[in-house]
Amino acid sequence: MPIVTIQQGPRDVEAKRVLVEKVTDAFVDAYEIPAEAVHVWIHEVPAESWGTAGKLTADK
């Protein structure tokens, strides 16, 4: 059973639905397994808890 963890900034629920569906489909196609075997976890990190190039994402 693959477990996929995605770390990202907050997104709306519809975008997450699409993401989970597409990630699941990719594993089904690549591994030839049933969709029920694929678990996708989305870990959302707030902009004030994440940075790039020495700056908080919240400050951009």
PDB file of N, CA and C in Angstrom:
ATOM      1  N   MET A   1       0.845  -1.174   0.000  1.00  0.00           N
ATOM      2  CA  MET A   1       0.000   0.000   0.000  1.00  0.00           C
ATOM      3  C   MET A   1       0.892   1.238   0.000  1.00  0.00           C
ATOM      4  N   PRO A   2       0.933   1.973  -1.099  1.00  0.00           N
ATOM      5  CA  PRO A   2       1.697   3.223  -1.116  1.00  0.00           C
ATOM      6  C   PRO A   2       1.015   4.286  -0.255  1.00  0.00           C
ATOM      7  N   ILE A   3       1.837   5.020   0.466  1.00  0.00           N
ATOM      8  CA  ILE A   3       1.374   6.183   1.211  1.00  0.00           C
ATOM      9  C   ILE A   3       2.152   7.374   0.666  1.00  0.00           C
ATOM     10  N   VAL A   4       1.440   8.335   0.124  1.00  0.00           N
ATOM     11  CA  VAL A   4       2.045   9.519  -0.480  1.00  0.00           C
ATOM     12  C   VAL A   4       1.796  10.697   0.454  1.00  0.00           C
ATOM     13  N   THR A   5       2.852  11.411   0.840  1.00  0.00           N
ATOM     14  CA  THR A   5       2.702  12.600   1.668  1.00  0.00           C
ATOM     15  C   THR A   5       3.066  13.819   0.829  1.00  0.00           C
ATOM     16  N   ILE A   6       2.165  14.783   0.794  1.00  0.00           N
ATOM     17  CA  ILE A   6       2.373  16.019   0.050  1.00  0.00           C
ATOM     18  C   ILE A   6       2.428  17.159   1.056  1.00  0.00           C
ATOM     19  N   GLN A   7       3.510  17.924   1.029  1.00  0.00           N
ATOM     20  CA  GLN A   7       3.617  19.101   1.888  1.00  0.00           C
ATOM     21  C   GLN A   7       3.467  20.320   1.006  1.00  0.00           C
ATOM     22  N   GLN A   8       2.577  21.205   1.402  1.00  0.00           N
ATOM     23  CA  GLN A   8       2.294  22.392   0.590  1.00  0.00           C
ATOM     24  C   GLN A   8       1.677  23.476   1.452  1.00  0.00           C
ATOM     25  N   GLY A   9       1.570  24.646   0.866  1.00  0.00           N
ATOM     26  CA  GLY A   9       0.811  25.715   1.489  1.00  0.00           C
ATOM     27  C   GLY A   9      -0.671  25.423   1.350  1.00  0.00           C
ATOM     28  N   PRO A  10      -1.508  26.129   2.095  1.00  0.00           N
ATOM     29  CA  PRO A  10      -2.945  25.894   2.049  1.00  0.00           C
ATOM     30  C   PRO A  10      -3.530  26.077   0.642  1.00  0.00           C
ATOM     31  N   ARG A  11      -4.426  25.187   0.283  1.00  0.00           N
ATOM     32  CA  ARG A  11      -5.160  25.244  -0.985  1.00  0.00           C
ATOM     33  C   ARG A  11      -6.632  24.994  -0.677  1.00  0.00           C
ATOM     34  N   ASP A  12      -7.511  25.353  -1.608  1.00  0.00           N
ATOM     35  CA  ASP A  12      -8.933  25.091  -1.383  1.00  0.00           C
ATOM     36  C   ASP A  12      -9.229  23.602  -1.577  1.00  0.00           C
ATOM     37  N   VAL A  13     -10.346  23.161  -1.036  1.00  0.00           N
ATOM     38  CA  VAL A  13     -10.677  21.741  -1.008  1.00  0.00           C
ATOM     39  C   VAL A  13     -10.834  21.168  -2.418  1.00  0.00           C
ATOM     40  N   GLU A  14     -11.345  21.930  -3.359  1.00  0.00           N
ATOM     41  CA  GLU A  14     -11.506  21.414  -4.728  1.00  0.00           C
ATOM     42  C   GLU A  14     -10.141  21.126  -5.358  1.00  0.00           C
ATOM     43  N   ALA A  15      -9.180  21.994  -5.154  1.00  0.00           N
ATOM     44  CA  ALA A  15      -7.830  21.756  -5.681  1.00  0.00           C
ATOM     45  C   ALA A  15      -7.233  20.495  -5.070  1.00  0.00           C
ATOM     46  N   LYS A  16      -7.486  20.264  -3.779  1.00  0.00           N
ATOM     47  CA  LYS A  16      -6.969  19.062  -3.121  1.00  0.00           C
ATOM     48  C   LYS A  16      -7.660  17.808  -3.644  1.00  0.00           C
ATOM     49  N   ARG A  17      -8.947  17.892  -3.944  1.00  0.00           N
ATOM     50  CA  ARG A  17      -9.657  16.750  -4.534  1.00  0.00           C
ATOM     51  C   ARG A  17      -9.016  16.342  -5.856  1.00  0.00           C
ATOM     52  N   VAL A  18      -8.738  17.332  -6.697  1.00  0.00           N
ATOM     53  CA  VAL A  18      -8.119  17.065  -7.996  1.00  0.00           C
ATOM     54  C   VAL A  18      -6.730  16.462  -7.801  1.00  0.00           C
ATOM     55  N   LEU A  19      -5.949  17.025  -6.906  1.00  0.00           N
ATOM     56  CA  LEU A  19      -4.601  16.529  -6.643  1.00  0.00           C
ATOM     57  C   LEU A  19      -4.620  15.073  -6.189  1.00  0.00           C
ATOM     58  N   VAL A  20      -5.478  14.747  -5.220  1.00  0.00           N
ATOM     59  CA  VAL A  20      -5.562  13.382  -4.705  1.00  0.00           C
ATOM     60  C   VAL A  20      -5.971  12.415  -5.818  1.00  0.00           C
ATOM     61  N   GLU A  21      -6.907  12.815  -6.640  1.00  0.00           N
ATOM     62  CA  GLU A  21      -7.346  11.955  -7.742  1.00  0.00           C
ATOM     63  C   GLU A  21      -6.206  11.687  -8.726  1.00  0.00           C
ATOM     64  N   LYS A  22      -5.475  12.735  -9.095  1.00  0.00           N
ATOM     65  CA  LYS A  22      -4.399  12.578 -10.078  1.00  0.00           C
ATOM     66  C   LYS A  22      -3.209  11.794  -9.520  1.00  0.00           C
ATOM     67  N   VAL A  23      -2.866  12.031  -8.267  1.00  0.00           N
ATOM     68  CA  VAL A  23      -1.776  11.278  -7.649  1.00  0.00           C
ATOM     69  C   VAL A  23      -2.163   9.797  -7.560  1.00  0.00           C
ATOM     70  N   THR A  24      -3.385   9.530  -7.151  1.00  0.00           N
ATOM     71  CA  THR A  24      -3.867   8.147  -7.080  1.00  0.00           C
ATOM     72  C   THR A  24      -3.808   7.493  -8.450  1.00  0.00           C
ATOM     73  N   ASP A  25      -4.308   8.182  -9.477  1.00  0.00           N
ATOM     74  CA  ASP A  25      -4.285   7.637 -10.842  1.00  0.00           C
ATOM     75  C   ASP A  25      -2.862   7.319 -11.294  1.00  0.00           C
ATOM     76  N   ALA A  26      -1.900   8.157 -10.939  1.00  0.00           N
ATOM     77  CA  ALA A  26      -0.511   7.923 -11.331  1.00  0.00           C
ATOM     78  C   ALA A  26       0.019   6.625 -10.707  1.00  0.00           C
ATOM     79  N   PHE A  27      -0.295   6.377  -9.442  1.00  0.00           N
ATOM     80  CA  PHE A  27       0.142   5.141  -8.797  1.00  0.00           C
ATOM     81  C   PHE A  27      -0.572   3.929  -9.367  1.00  0.00           C
ATOM     82  N   VAL A  28      -1.860   4.064  -9.636  1.00  0.00           N
ATOM     83  CA  VAL A  28      -2.617   2.967 -10.246  1.00  0.00           C
ATOM     84  C   VAL A  28      -2.003   2.591 -11.593  1.00  0.00           C
ATOM     85  N   ASP A  29      -1.676   3.585 -12.399  1.00  0.00           N
ATOM     86  CA  ASP A  29      -1.077   3.334 -13.717  1.00  0.00           C
ATOM     87  C   ASP A  29       0.332   2.754 -13.603  1.00  0.00           C
ATOM     88  N   ALA A  30       1.153   3.320 -12.744  1.00  0.00           N
ATOM     89  CA  ALA A  30       2.558   2.911 -12.649  1.00  0.00           C
ATOM     90  C   ALA A  30       2.722   1.541 -11.986  1.00  0.00           C
ATOM     91  N   TYR A  31       1.956   1.282 -10.951  1.00  0.00           N
ATOM     92  CA  TYR A  31       2.140   0.054 -10.168  1.00  0.00           C
ATOM     93  C   TYR A  31       1.097  -1.020 -10.465  1.00  0.00           C
ATOM     94  N   GLU A  32       0.088  -0.660 -11.273  1.00  0.00           N
ATOM     95  CA  GLU A  32      -0.996  -1.594 -11.609  1.00  0.00           C
ATOM     96  C   GLU A  32      -1.631  -2.171 -10.343  1.00  0.00           C
ATOM     97  N   ILE A  33      -2.043  -1.258  -9.468  1.00  0.00           N
ATOM     98  CA  ILE A  33      -2.688  -1.616  -8.206  1.00  0.00           C
ATOM     99  C   ILE A  33      -4.058  -0.965  -8.159  1.00  0.00           C
ATOM    100  N   PRO A  34      -4.949  -1.437  -7.299  1.00  0.00           N
ATOM    101  CA  PRO A  34      -6.258  -0.784  -7.185  1.00  0.00           C
ATOM    102  C   PRO A  34      -6.146   0.573  -6.483  1.00  0.00           C
ATOM    103  N   ALA A  35      -7.018   1.475  -6.852  1.00  0.00           N
ATOM    104  CA  ALA A  35      -7.018   2.818  -6.252  1.00  0.00           C
ATOM    105  C   ALA A  35      -7.170   2.750  -4.732  1.00  0.00           C
ATOM    106  N   GLU A  36      -7.894   1.755  -4.248  1.00  0.00           N
ATOM    107  CA  GLU A  36      -8.118   1.615  -2.807  1.00  0.00           C
ATOM    108  C   GLU A  36      -6.826   1.355  -2.036  1.00  0.00           C
ATOM    109  N   ALA A  37      -5.777   0.953  -2.731  1.00  0.00           N
ATOM    110  CA  ALA A  37      -4.504   0.670  -2.076  1.00  0.00           C
ATOM    111  C   ALA A  37      -3.647   1.922  -1.880  1.00  0.00           C
ATOM    112  N   VAL A  38      -4.033   3.017  -2.526  1.00  0.00           N
ATOM    113  CA  VAL A  38      -3.223   4.244  -2.495  1.00  0.00           C
ATOM    114  C   VAL A  38      -3.784   5.202  -1.442  1.00  0.00           C
ATOM    115  N   HIS A  39      -2.908   5.648  -0.547  1.00  0.00           N
ATOM    116  CA  HIS A  39      -3.296   6.619   0.483  1.00  0.00           C
ATOM    117  C   HIS A  39      -2.517   7.905   0.233  1.00  0.00           C
ATOM    118  N   VAL A  40      -3.211   9.026   0.230  1.00  0.00           N
ATOM    119  CA  VAL A  40      -2.578  10.325   0.001  1.00  0.00           C
ATOM    120  C   VAL A  40      -2.850  11.198   1.220  1.00  0.00           C
ATOM    121  N   TRP A  41      -1.776  11.675   1.826  1.00  0.00           N
ATOM    122  CA  TRP A  41      -1.873  12.590   2.971  1.00  0.00           C
ATOM    123  C   TRP A  41      -1.397  13.953   2.527  1.00  0.00           C
ATOM    124  N   ILE A  42      -2.182  14.972   2.826  1.00  0.00           N
ATOM    125  CA  ILE A  42      -1.793  16.344   2.506  1.00  0.00           C
ATOM    126  C   ILE A  42      -1.493  17.055   3.829  1.00  0.00           C
ATOM    127  N   HIS A  43      -0.275  17.532   3.948  1.00  0.00           N
ATOM    128  CA  HIS A  43       0.144  18.273   5.132  1.00  0.00           C
ATOM    129  C   HIS A  43       0.306  19.725   4.704  1.00  0.00           C
ATOM    130  N   GLU A  44      -0.576  20.579   5.176  1.00  0.00           N
ATOM    131  CA  GLU A  44      -0.527  21.989   4.805  1.00  0.00           C
ATOM    132  C   GLU A  44       0.256  22.783   5.840  1.00  0.00           C
ATOM    133  N   VAL A  45       1.171  23.573   5.340  1.00  0.00           N
ATOM    134  CA  VAL A  45       2.028  24.392   6.181  1.00  0.00           C
ATOM    135  C   VAL A  45       1.645  25.858   5.965  1.00  0.00           C
ATOM    136  N   PRO A  46       1.300  26.579   7.019  1.00  0.00           N
ATOM    137  CA  PRO A  46       0.937  27.987   6.856  1.00  0.00           C
ATOM    138  C   PRO A  46       2.124  28.822   6.358  1.00  0.00           C
ATOM    139  N   ALA A  47       1.817  29.888   5.654  1.00  0.00           N
ATOM    140  CA  ALA A  47       2.848  30.743   5.054  1.00  0.00           C
ATOM    141  C   ALA A  47       3.831  31.303   6.079  1.00  0.00           C
ATOM    142  N   GLU A  48       3.395  31.475   7.321  1.00  0.00           N
ATOM    143  CA  GLU A  48       4.306  32.004   8.343  1.00  0.00           C
ATOM    144  C   GLU A  48       5.221  30.927   8.929  1.00  0.00           C
ATOM    145  N   SER A  49       5.070  29.694   8.464  1.00  0.00           N
ATOM    146  CA  SER A  49       5.904  28.597   8.955  1.00  0.00           C
ATOM    147  C   SER A  49       6.751  27.975   7.849  1.00  0.00           C
ATOM    148  N   TRP A  50       7.037  28.753   6.808  1.00  0.00           N
ATOM    149  CA  TRP A  50       7.710  28.200   5.641  1.00  0.00           C
ATOM    150  C   TRP A  50       8.477  29.324   4.978  1.00  0.00           C
ATOM    151  N   GLY A  51       9.654  29.042   4.513  1.00  0.00           N
ATOM    152  CA  GLY A  51      10.455  30.083   3.879  1.00  0.00           C
ATOM    153  C   GLY A  51      11.235  29.574   2.687  1.00  0.00           C
ATOM    154  N   THR A  52      11.625  30.498   1.832  1.00  0.00           N
ATOM    155  CA  THR A  52      12.447  30.220   0.661  1.00  0.00           C
ATOM    156  C   THR A  52      13.415  31.370   0.479  1.00  0.00           C
ATOM    157  N   ALA A  53      14.642  31.047   0.164  1.00  0.00           N
ATOM    158  CA  ALA A  53      15.669  32.057  -0.124  1.00  0.00           C
ATOM    159  C   ALA A  53      15.832  33.053   1.021  1.00  0.00           C
ATOM    160  N   GLY A  54      15.738  32.564   2.253  1.00  0.00           N
ATOM    161  CA  GLY A  54      15.963  33.400   3.415  1.00  0.00           C
ATOM    162  C   GLY A  54      14.802  34.280   3.812  1.00  0.00           C
ATOM    163  N   LYS A  55      13.630  34.091   3.207  1.00  0.00           N
ATOM    164  CA  LYS A  55      12.452  34.907   3.527  1.00  0.00           C
ATOM    165  C   LYS A  55      11.255  34.025   3.818  1.00  0.00           C
ATOM    166  N   LEU A  56      10.448  34.427   4.785  1.00  0.00           N
ATOM    167  CA  LEU A  56       9.192  33.729   5.035  1.00  0.00           C
ATOM    168  C   LEU A  56       8.275  33.913   3.834  1.00  0.00           C
ATOM    169  N   THR A  57       7.555  32.855   3.524  1.00  0.00           N
ATOM    170  CA  THR A  57       6.591  32.942   2.433  1.00  0.00           C
ATOM    171  C   THR A  57       5.535  34.005   2.733  1.00  0.00           C
ATOM    172  N   ALA A  58       5.189  34.171   3.991  1.00  0.00           N
ATOM    173  CA  ALA A  58       4.197  35.180   4.398  1.00  0.00           C
ATOM    174  C   ALA A  58       4.667  36.597   4.087  1.00  0.00           C
ATOM    175  N   ASP A  59       5.968  36.808   3.992  1.00  0.00           N
ATOM    176  CA  ASP A  59       6.509  38.150   3.735  1.00  0.00           C
ATOM    177  C   ASP A  59       6.645  38.476   2.250  1.00  0.00           C
ATOM    178  N   LYS A  60       6.341  37.547   1.407  1.00  0.00           N
ATOM    179  CA  LYS A  60       6.489  37.789  -0.033  1.00  0.00           C
ATOM    180  C   LYS A  60       5.254  38.410  -0.629  1.00  0.00           C
TER     181      LYS A  60
END
